Structure formats: structure tokens, C-alpha cells
Amino acid sequence: MPSIFTTMATDKKKPAPPGFEDSLKALQALVEGLEKGDVPLEELVAKFTEGHALIKRCQEQLNGARLRLEQLRQQDDAPVPMDDPESPRD
């Protein structure tokens, strides 16, 4: 039988990933810190890895937004069916 602590831990929802703006701000802050030039090598590699992940997240979010906008545009370009005034109505 699972304990109450196990049940509580599995009931927690995974937090949503940060939004595009938050990811971009984090990336900008990271770059500003690296531009100072006084970062030890190990920390530099860790920050570079973090920055790479932030860039990837931003690109994925931009691609998702671009896809949604393209889908909306295609829906707008689709012909709107018009009722034929001559056809009998149900």
C-alpha cells in the first residue's frame, strides 16, 4: 500500500515550462553575465549549456507560434460555404 507521501508526490502536476518572454529574459541575463568575462571555465561551460537549452526552447516556442499563425491564415483563406437560397432547408 503506498504511503500518503508517495500519493502526494505523484499527484503534483508538472509545472508549465517558462513562456517565451521569460526564456528570452533569462537568455539575455545569461549573455550579459558571460560578457563580463570573469566567469571560471566550469561555470562558463554550465552557462553555455543553459543558454543552449534556452535558445532551443525559444526556437520551439517560435516555431509553434508560427505554425499556429499559419494554420489560422489557411483557415481564413479557405472558402466560406454559403447557403444556397434555392436549396430546401431541413
PDB file of N, CA and C in Angstrom:
ATOM      1  N   MET A   1       0.846  -1.173   0.000  1.00  0.00           N
ATOM      2  CA  MET A   1       0.000   0.000   0.000  1.00  0.00           C
ATOM      3  C   MET A   1       0.893   1.239   0.000  1.00  0.00           C
ATOM      4  N   PRO A   2       0.671   2.187  -0.948  1.00  0.00           N
ATOM      5  CA  PRO A   2       1.507   3.387  -0.991  1.00  0.00           C
ATOM      6  C   PRO A   2       1.225   4.300   0.196  1.00  0.00           C
ATOM      7  N   SER A   3       2.266   4.958   0.647  1.00  0.00           N
ATOM      8  CA  SER A   3       2.094   5.880   1.769  1.00  0.00           C
ATOM      9  C   SER A   3       1.460   7.173   1.273  1.00  0.00           C
ATOM     10  N   ILE A   4       1.016   7.982   2.197  1.00  0.00           N
ATOM     11  CA  ILE A   4       0.415   9.262   1.844  1.00  0.00           C
ATOM     12  C   ILE A   4       1.425  10.164   1.141  1.00  0.00           C
ATOM     13  N   PHE A   5       2.694  10.028   1.515  1.00  0.00           N
ATOM     14  CA  PHE A   5       3.725  10.859   0.909  1.00  0.00           C
ATOM     15  C   PHE A   5       3.947  10.482  -0.555  1.00  0.00           C
ATOM     16  N   THR A   6       3.893   9.192  -0.857  1.00  0.00           N
ATOM     17  CA  THR A   6       4.044   8.741  -2.242  1.00  0.00           C
ATOM     18  C   THR A   6       2.876   9.235  -3.075  1.00  0.00           C
ATOM     19  N   THR A   7       1.672   9.129  -2.540  1.00  0.00           N
ATOM     20  CA  THR A   7       0.486   9.570  -3.259  1.00  0.00           C
ATOM     21  C   THR A   7       0.539  11.069  -3.508  1.00  0.00           C
ATOM     22  N   MET A   8       0.945  11.833  -2.509  1.00  0.00           N
ATOM     23  CA  MET A   8       1.009  13.277  -2.670  1.00  0.00           C
ATOM     24  C   MET A   8       2.052  13.672  -3.714  1.00  0.00           C
ATOM     25  N   ALA A   9       3.155  12.957  -3.736  1.00  0.00           N
ATOM     26  CA  ALA A   9       4.217  13.290  -4.688  1.00  0.00           C
ATOM     27  C   ALA A   9       3.793  13.007  -6.115  1.00  0.00           C
ATOM     28  N   THR A  10       3.013  11.951  -6.332  1.00  0.00           N
ATOM     29  CA  THR A  10       2.606  11.606  -7.684  1.00  0.00           C
ATOM     30  C   THR A  10       1.417  12.435  -8.155  1.00  0.00           C
ATOM     31  N   ASP A  11       0.694  13.064  -7.220  1.00  0.00           N
ATOM     32  CA  ASP A  11      -0.454  13.880  -7.596  1.00  0.00           C
ATOM     33  C   ASP A  11      -0.046  15.263  -8.091  1.00  0.00           C
ATOM     34  N   LYS A  12       1.174  15.680  -7.791  1.00  0.00           N
ATOM     35  CA  LYS A  12       1.611  17.011  -8.207  1.00  0.00           C
ATOM     36  C   LYS A  12       1.751  17.062  -9.715  1.00  0.00           C
ATOM     37  N   LYS A  13       1.269  18.146 -10.273  1.00  0.00           N
ATOM     38  CA  LYS A  13       1.374  18.335 -11.715  1.00  0.00           C
ATOM     39  C   LYS A  13       2.723  18.942 -12.035  1.00  0.00           C
ATOM     40  N   LYS A  14       3.227  18.600 -13.188  1.00  0.00           N
ATOM     41  CA  LYS A  14       4.491  19.139 -13.661  1.00  0.00           C
ATOM     42  C   LYS A  14       4.289  20.618 -13.997  1.00  0.00           C
ATOM     43  N   PRO A  15       5.161  21.498 -13.503  1.00  0.00           N
ATOM     44  CA  PRO A  15       4.960  22.920 -13.809  1.00  0.00           C
ATOM     45  C   PRO A  15       5.143  23.188 -15.297  1.00  0.00           C
ATOM     46  N   ALA A  16       4.399  24.147 -15.776  1.00  0.00           N
ATOM     47  CA  ALA A  16       4.490  24.514 -17.190  1.00  0.00           C
ATOM     48  C   ALA A  16       5.861  25.126 -17.456  1.00  0.00           C
ATOM     49  N   PRO A  17       6.415  24.854 -18.634  1.00  0.00           N
ATOM     50  CA  PRO A  17       7.701  25.474 -18.950  1.00  0.00           C
ATOM     51  C   PRO A  17       7.541  26.987 -19.043  1.00  0.00           C
ATOM     52  N   PRO A  18       8.630  27.718 -18.802  1.00  0.00           N
ATOM     53  CA  PRO A  18       8.515  29.178 -18.872  1.00  0.00           C
ATOM     54  C   PRO A  18       8.090  29.631 -20.260  1.00  0.00           C
ATOM     55  N   GLY A  19       7.397  30.736 -20.307  1.00  0.00           N
ATOM     56  CA  GLY A  19       6.955  31.289 -21.580  1.00  0.00           C
ATOM     57  C   GLY A  19       8.129  31.850 -22.367  1.00  0.00           C
ATOM     58  N   PHE A  20       7.850  32.236 -23.599  1.00  0.00           N
ATOM     59  CA  PHE A  20       8.885  32.743 -24.491  1.00  0.00           C
ATOM     60  C   PHE A  20       9.588  33.958 -23.890  1.00  0.00           C
ATOM     61  N   GLU A  21       8.804  34.902 -23.387  1.00  0.00           N
ATOM     62  CA  GLU A  21       9.385  36.135 -22.854  1.00  0.00           C
ATOM     63  C   GLU A  21      10.296  35.842 -21.668  1.00  0.00           C
ATOM     64  N   ASP A  22       9.868  34.932 -20.781  1.00  0.00           N
ATOM     65  CA  ASP A  22      10.695  34.576 -19.626  1.00  0.00           C
ATOM     66  C   ASP A  22      11.986  33.892 -20.064  1.00  0.00           C
ATOM     67  N   SER A  23      11.880  33.007 -21.044  1.00  0.00           N
ATOM     68  CA  SER A  23      13.070  32.323 -21.558  1.00  0.00           C
ATOM     69  C   SER A  23      14.025  33.315 -22.200  1.00  0.00           C
ATOM     70  N   LEU A  24      13.494  34.256 -22.940  1.00  0.00           N
ATOM     71  CA  LEU A  24      14.325  35.258 -23.605  1.00  0.00           C
ATOM     72  C   LEU A  24      15.021  36.157 -22.585  1.00  0.00           C
ATOM     73  N   LYS A  25      14.299  36.566 -21.535  1.00  0.00           N
ATOM     74  CA  LYS A  25      14.907  37.387 -20.481  1.00  0.00           C
ATOM     75  C   LYS A  25      16.030  36.622 -19.784  1.00  0.00           C
ATOM     76  N   ALA A  26      15.794  35.340 -19.506  1.00  0.00           N
ATOM     77  CA  ALA A  26      16.821  34.521 -18.867  1.00  0.00           C
ATOM     78  C   ALA A  26      18.050  34.403 -19.763  1.00  0.00           C
ATOM     79  N   LEU A  27      17.830  34.241 -21.053  1.00  0.00           N
ATOM     80  CA  LEU A  27      18.933  34.147 -22.002  1.00  0.00           C
ATOM     81  C   LEU A  27      19.708  35.468 -22.055  1.00  0.00           C
ATOM     82  N   GLN A  28      19.003  36.580 -22.074  1.00  0.00           N
ATOM     83  CA  GLN A  28      19.660  37.887 -22.098  1.00  0.00           C
ATOM     84  C   GLN A  28      20.500  38.106 -20.833  1.00  0.00           C
ATOM     85  N   ALA A  29      19.963  37.728 -19.678  1.00  0.00           N
ATOM     86  CA  ALA A  29      20.702  37.874 -18.424  1.00  0.00           C
ATOM     87  C   ALA A  29      21.942  36.988 -18.435  1.00  0.00           C
ATOM     88  N   LEU A  30      21.808  35.794 -18.979  1.00  0.00           N
ATOM     89  CA  LEU A  30      22.931  34.866 -19.059  1.00  0.00           C
ATOM     90  C   LEU A  30      24.037  35.448 -19.950  1.00  0.00           C
ATOM     91  N   VAL A  31      23.653  35.981 -21.094  1.00  0.00           N
ATOM     92  CA  VAL A  31      24.623  36.568 -22.024  1.00  0.00           C
ATOM     93  C   VAL A  31      25.324  37.756 -21.376  1.00  0.00           C
ATOM     94  N   GLU A  32      24.560  38.610 -20.694  1.00  0.00           N
ATOM     95  CA  GLU A  32      25.166  39.765 -20.028  1.00  0.00           C
ATOM     96  C   GLU A  32      26.196  39.328 -18.994  1.00  0.00           C
ATOM     97  N   GLY A  33      25.880  38.259 -18.264  1.00  0.00           N
ATOM     98  CA  GLY A  33      26.824  37.741 -17.275  1.00  0.00           C
ATOM     99  C   GLY A  33      28.081  37.193 -17.927  1.00  0.00           C
ATOM    100  N   LEU A  34      27.931  36.536 -19.062  1.00  0.00           N
ATOM    101  CA  LEU A  34      29.083  35.975 -19.766  1.00  0.00           C
ATOM    102  C   LEU A  34      29.940  37.069 -20.404  1.00  0.00           C
ATOM    103  N   GLU A  35      29.302  38.158 -20.826  1.00  0.00           N
ATOM    104  CA  GLU A  35      30.044  39.238 -21.472  1.00  0.00           C
ATOM    105  C   GLU A  35      30.986  39.958 -20.509  1.00  0.00           C
ATOM    106  N   LYS A  36      30.759  39.829 -19.227  1.00  0.00           N
ATOM    107  CA  LYS A  36      31.643  40.458 -18.247  1.00  0.00           C
ATOM    108  C   LYS A  36      33.041  39.835 -18.300  1.00  0.00           C
ATOM    109  N   GLY A  37      33.116  38.576 -18.703  1.00  0.00           N
ATOM    110  CA  GLY A  37      34.401  37.931 -18.913  1.00  0.00           C
ATOM    111  C   GLY A  37      35.091  37.391 -17.685  1.00  0.00           C
ATOM    112  N   ASP A  38      34.489  37.482 -16.515  1.00  0.00           N
ATOM    113  CA  ASP A  38      35.158  36.991 -15.307  1.00  0.00           C
ATOM    114  C   ASP A  38      34.538  35.682 -14.796  1.00  0.00           C
ATOM    115  N   VAL A  39      34.119  34.832 -15.718  1.00  0.00           N
ATOM    116  CA  VAL A  39      33.458  33.579 -15.360  1.00  0.00           C
ATOM    117  C   VAL A  39      34.475  32.440 -15.454  1.00  0.00           C
ATOM    118  N   PRO A  40      34.624  31.643 -14.385  1.00  0.00           N
ATOM    119  CA  PRO A  40      35.520  30.487 -14.446  1.00  0.00           C
ATOM    120  C   PRO A  40      35.062  29.498 -15.524  1.00  0.00           C
ATOM    121  N   LEU A  41      36.007  28.723 -16.032  1.00  0.00           N
ATOM    122  CA  LEU A  41      35.745  27.829 -17.156  1.00  0.00           C
ATOM    123  C   LEU A  41      34.582  26.877 -16.901  1.00  0.00           C
ATOM    124  N   GLU A  42      34.549  26.225 -15.746  1.00  0.00           N
ATOM    125  CA  GLU A  42      33.471  25.265 -15.465  1.00  0.00           C
ATOM    126  C   GLU A  42      32.108  25.954 -15.455  1.00  0.00           C
ATOM    127  N   GLU A  43      32.053  27.122 -14.862  1.00  0.00           N
ATOM    128  CA  GLU A  43      30.798  27.878 -14.830  1.00  0.00           C
ATOM    129  C   GLU A  43      30.433  28.356 -16.236  1.00  0.00           C
ATOM    130  N   LEU A  44      31.437  28.716 -17.013  1.00  0.00           N
ATOM    131  CA  LEU A  44      31.225  29.147 -18.388  1.00  0.00           C
ATOM    132  C   LEU A  44      30.570  28.030 -19.199  1.00  0.00           C
ATOM    133  N   VAL A  45      31.081  26.816 -19.053  1.00  0.00           N
ATOM    134  CA  VAL A  45      30.518  25.671 -19.780  1.00  0.00           C
ATOM    135  C   VAL A  45      29.091  25.401 -19.314  1.00  0.00           C
ATOM    136  N   ALA A  46      28.848  25.493 -18.017  1.00  0.00           N
ATOM    137  CA  ALA A  46      27.491  25.267 -17.491  1.00  0.00           C
ATOM    138  C   ALA A  46      26.525  26.333 -18.012  1.00  0.00           C
ATOM    139  N   LYS A  47      26.966  27.586 -18.037  1.00  0.00           N
ATOM    140  CA  LYS A  47      26.108  28.666 -18.527  1.00  0.00           C
ATOM    141  C   LYS A  47      25.884  28.549 -20.033  1.00  0.00           C
ATOM    142  N   PHE A  48      26.899  28.109 -20.747  1.00  0.00           N
ATOM    143  CA  PHE A  48      26.742  27.902 -22.184  1.00  0.00           C
ATOM    144  C   PHE A  48      25.702  26.804 -22.437  1.00  0.00           C
ATOM    145  N   THR A  49      25.764  25.741 -21.659  1.00  0.00           N
ATOM    146  CA  THR A  49      24.789  24.645 -21.792  1.00  0.00           C
ATOM    147  C   THR A  49      23.383  25.141 -21.478  1.00  0.00           C
ATOM    148  N   GLU A  50      23.266  25.930 -20.427  1.00  0.00           N
ATOM    149  CA  GLU A  50      21.955  26.502 -20.067  1.00  0.00           C
ATOM    150  C   GLU A  50      21.450  27.421 -21.179  1.00  0.00           C
ATOM    151  N   GLY A  51      22.340  28.230 -21.715  1.00  0.00           N
ATOM    152  CA  GLY A  51      21.963  29.131 -22.804  1.00  0.00           C
ATOM    153  C   GLY A  51      21.518  28.375 -24.039  1.00  0.00           C
ATOM    154  N   HIS A  52      22.208  27.292 -24.329  1.00  0.00           N
ATOM    155  CA  HIS A  52      21.841  26.462 -25.487  1.00  0.00           C
ATOM    156  C   HIS A  52      20.427  25.908 -25.306  1.00  0.00           C
ATOM    157  N   ALA A  53      20.111  25.450 -24.090  1.00  0.00           N
ATOM    158  CA  ALA A  53      18.766  24.930 -23.813  1.00  0.00           C
ATOM    159  C   ALA A  53      17.721  26.041 -23.932  1.00  0.00           C
ATOM    160  N   LEU A  54      18.055  27.249 -23.470  1.00  0.00           N
ATOM    161  CA  LEU A  54      17.119  28.370 -23.581  1.00  0.00           C
ATOM    162  C   LEU A  54      16.877  28.739 -25.039  1.00  0.00           C
ATOM    163  N   ILE A  55      17.933  28.740 -25.846  1.00  0.00           N
ATOM    164  CA  ILE A  55      17.781  29.036 -27.273  1.00  0.00           C
ATOM    165  C   ILE A  55      16.877  28.001 -27.928  1.00  0.00           C
ATOM    166  N   LYS A  56      17.096  26.746 -27.597  1.00  0.00           N
ATOM    167  CA  LYS A  56      16.277  25.670 -28.170  1.00  0.00           C
ATOM    168  C   LYS A  56      14.809  25.852 -27.773  1.00  0.00           C
ATOM    169  N   ARG A  57      14.564  26.182 -26.498  1.00  0.00           N
ATOM    170  CA  ARG A  57      13.185  26.380 -26.029  1.00  0.00           C
ATOM    171  C   ARG A  57      12.541  27.554 -26.760  1.00  0.00           C
ATOM    172  N   CYS A  58      13.281  28.651 -26.916  1.00  0.00           N
ATOM    173  CA  CYS A  58      12.743  29.820 -27.624  1.00  0.00           C
ATOM    174  C   CYS A  58      12.423  29.475 -29.079  1.00  0.00           C
ATOM    175  N   GLN A  59      13.318  28.742 -29.731  1.00  0.00           N
ATOM    176  CA  GLN A  59      13.080  28.352 -31.123  1.00  0.00           C
ATOM    177  C   GLN A  59      11.844  27.470 -31.243  1.00  0.00           C
ATOM    178  N   GLU A  60      11.677  26.531 -30.304  1.00  0.00           N
ATOM    179  CA  GLU A  60      10.499  25.659 -30.333  1.00  0.00           C
ATOM    180  C   GLU A  60       9.222  26.469 -30.136  1.00  0.00           C
ATOM    181  N   GLN A  61       9.263  27.432 -29.221  1.00  0.00           N
ATOM    182  CA  GLN A  61       8.086  28.254 -28.965  1.00  0.00           C
ATOM    183  C   GLN A  61       7.776  29.131 -30.173  1.00  0.00           C
ATOM    184  N   LEU A  62       8.796  29.684 -30.804  1.00  0.00           N
ATOM    185  CA  LEU A  62       8.573  30.492 -32.005  1.00  0.00           C
ATOM    186  C   LEU A  62       8.024  29.640 -33.144  1.00  0.00           C
ATOM    187  N   ASN A  63       8.571  28.443 -33.317  1.00  0.00           N
ATOM    188  CA  ASN A  63       8.075  27.556 -34.368  1.00  0.00           C
ATOM    189  C   ASN A  63       6.625  27.162 -34.121  1.00  0.00           C
ATOM    190  N   GLY A  64       6.280  26.910 -32.857  1.00  0.00           N
ATOM    191  CA  GLY A  64       4.895  26.578 -32.521  1.00  0.00           C
ATOM    192  C   GLY A  64       3.954  27.738 -32.815  1.00  0.00           C
ATOM    193  N   ALA A  65       4.373  28.943 -32.470  1.00  0.00           N
ATOM    194  CA  ALA A  65       3.551  30.126 -32.745  1.00  0.00           C
ATOM    195  C   ALA A  65       3.415  30.337 -34.249  1.00  0.00           C
ATOM    196  N   ARG A  66       4.508  30.161 -34.972  1.00  0.00           N
ATOM    197  CA  ARG A  66       4.474  30.331 -36.429  1.00  0.00           C
ATOM    198  C   ARG A  66       3.507  29.323 -37.061  1.00  0.00           C
ATOM    199  N   LEU A  67       3.538  28.083 -36.574  1.00  0.00           N
ATOM    200  CA  LEU A  67       2.649  27.045 -37.096  1.00  0.00           C
ATOM    201  C   LEU A  67       1.187  27.392 -36.819  1.00  0.00           C
ATOM    202  N   ARG A  68       0.897  27.846 -35.588  1.00  0.00           N
ATOM    203  CA  ARG A  68      -0.482  28.213 -35.253  1.00  0.00           C
ATOM    204  C   ARG A  68      -0.970  29.373 -36.124  1.00  0.00           C
ATOM    205  N   LEU A  69      -0.107  30.364 -36.340  1.00  0.00           N
ATOM    206  CA  LEU A  69      -0.487  31.500 -37.189  1.00  0.00           C
ATOM    207  C   LEU A  69      -0.711  31.055 -38.632  1.00  0.00           C
ATOM    208  N   GLU A  70       0.118  30.168 -39.111  1.00  0.00           N
ATOM    209  CA  GLU A  70      -0.048  29.664 -40.484  1.00  0.00           C
ATOM    210  C   GLU A  70      -1.362  28.891 -40.610  1.00  0.00           C
ATOM    211  N   GLN A  71      -1.696  28.093 -39.593  1.00  0.00           N
ATOM    212  CA  GLN A  71      -2.959  27.351 -39.621  1.00  0.00           C
ATOM    213  C   GLN A  71      -4.144  28.306 -39.629  1.00  0.00           C
ATOM    214  N   LEU A  72      -4.076  29.360 -38.827  1.00  0.00           N
ATOM    215  CA  LEU A  72      -5.155  30.348 -38.815  1.00  0.00           C
ATOM    216  C   LEU A  72      -5.272  31.044 -40.163  1.00  0.00           C
ATOM    217  N   ARG A  73      -4.139  31.382 -40.740  1.00  0.00           N
ATOM    218  CA  ARG A  73      -4.155  32.040 -42.042  1.00  0.00           C
ATOM    219  C   ARG A  73      -4.775  31.136 -43.103  1.00  0.00           C
ATOM    220  N   GLN A  74      -4.445  29.857 -43.042  1.00  0.00           N
ATOM    221  CA  GLN A  74      -5.014  28.913 -44.012  1.00  0.00           C
ATOM    222  C   GLN A  74      -6.517  28.778 -43.809  1.00  0.00           C
ATOM    223  N   GLN A  75      -6.970  28.826 -42.568  1.00  0.00           N
ATOM    224  CA  GLN A  75      -8.403  28.769 -42.305  1.00  0.00           C
ATOM    225  C   GLN A  75      -9.087  30.009 -42.883  1.00  0.00           C
ATOM    226  N   ASP A  76      -8.436  31.158 -42.756  1.00  0.00           N
ATOM    227  CA  ASP A  76      -9.007  32.395 -43.286  1.00  0.00           C
ATOM    228  C   ASP A  76      -9.050  32.375 -44.806  1.00  0.00           C
ATOM    229  N   ASP A  77      -8.102  31.691 -45.437  1.00  0.00           N
ATOM    230  CA  ASP A  77      -8.057  31.608 -46.893  1.00  0.00           C
ATOM    231  C   ASP A  77      -9.049  30.590 -47.456  1.00  0.00           C
ATOM    232  N   ALA A  78      -9.542  29.693 -46.603  1.00  0.00           N
ATOM    233  CA  ALA A  78     -10.482  28.671 -47.071  1.00  0.00           C
ATOM    234  C   ALA A  78     -11.810  29.330 -47.420  1.00  0.00           C
ATOM    235  N   PRO A  79     -12.433  28.867 -48.485  1.00  0.00           N
ATOM    236  CA  PRO A  79     -13.726  29.451 -48.852  1.00  0.00           C
ATOM    237  C   PRO A  79     -14.775  29.166 -47.777  1.00  0.00           C
ATOM    238  N   VAL A  80     -15.572  30.146 -47.514  1.00  0.00           N
ATOM    239  CA  VAL A  80     -16.642  30.005 -46.532  1.00  0.00           C
ATOM    240  C   VAL A  80     -17.863  29.480 -47.262  1.00  0.00           C
ATOM    241  N   PRO A  81     -18.401  28.323 -46.828  1.00  0.00           N
ATOM    242  CA  PRO A  81     -19.579  27.789 -47.517  1.00  0.00           C
ATOM    243  C   PRO A  81     -20.776  28.719 -47.336  1.00  0.00           C
ATOM    244  N   MET A  82     -21.447  28.960 -48.405  1.00  0.00           N
ATOM    245  CA  MET A  82     -22.624  29.825 -48.378  1.00  0.00           C
ATOM    246  C   MET A  82     -23.855  28.938 -48.566  1.00  0.00           C
ATOM    247  N   ASP A  83     -24.908  29.286 -47.877  1.00  0.00           N
ATOM    248  CA  ASP A  83     -26.159  28.555 -48.068  1.00  0.00           C
ATOM    249  C   ASP A  83     -26.734  28.914 -49.427  1.00  0.00           C
ATOM    250  N   ASP A  84     -27.164  27.903 -50.119  1.00  0.00           N
ATOM    251  CA  ASP A  84     -27.819  28.128 -51.416  1.00  0.00           C
ATOM    252  C   ASP A  84     -29.266  28.478 -51.137  1.00  0.00           C
ATOM    253  N   PRO A  85     -29.697  29.684 -51.478  1.00  0.00           N
ATOM    254  CA  PRO A  85     -31.075  30.093 -51.176  1.00  0.00           C
ATOM    255  C   PRO A  85     -32.091  29.214 -51.878  1.00  0.00           C
ATOM    256  N   GLU A  86     -31.687  28.517 -52.926  1.00  0.00           N
ATOM    257  CA  GLU A  86     -32.602  27.672 -53.692  1.00  0.00           C
ATOM    258  C   GLU A  86     -32.741  26.268 -53.088  1.00  0.00           C
ATOM    259  N   SER A  87     -31.791  25.870 -52.232  1.00  0.00           N
ATOM    260  CA  SER A  87     -31.840  24.513 -51.693  1.00  0.00           C
ATOM    261  C   SER A  87     -32.837  24.443 -50.543  1.00  0.00           C
ATOM    262  N   PRO A  88     -33.524  23.298 -50.449  1.00  0.00           N
ATOM    263  CA  PRO A  88     -34.523  23.156 -49.369  1.00  0.00           C
ATOM    264  C   PRO A  88     -33.822  23.054 -48.012  1.00  0.00           C
ATOM    265  N   ARG A  89     -34.431  23.628 -47.026  1.00  0.00           N
ATOM    266  CA  ARG A  89     -33.885  23.560 -45.664  1.00  0.00           C
ATOM    267  C   ARG A  89     -34.510  22.391 -44.942  1.00  0.00           C
ATOM    268  N   ASP A  90     -33.723  21.801 -44.068  1.00  0.00           N
ATOM    269  CA  ASP A  90     -34.232  20.655 -43.284  1.00  0.00           C
ATOM    270  C   ASP A  90     -35.079  21.099 -42.149  1.00  0.00           C
TER     271      ASP A  90
END
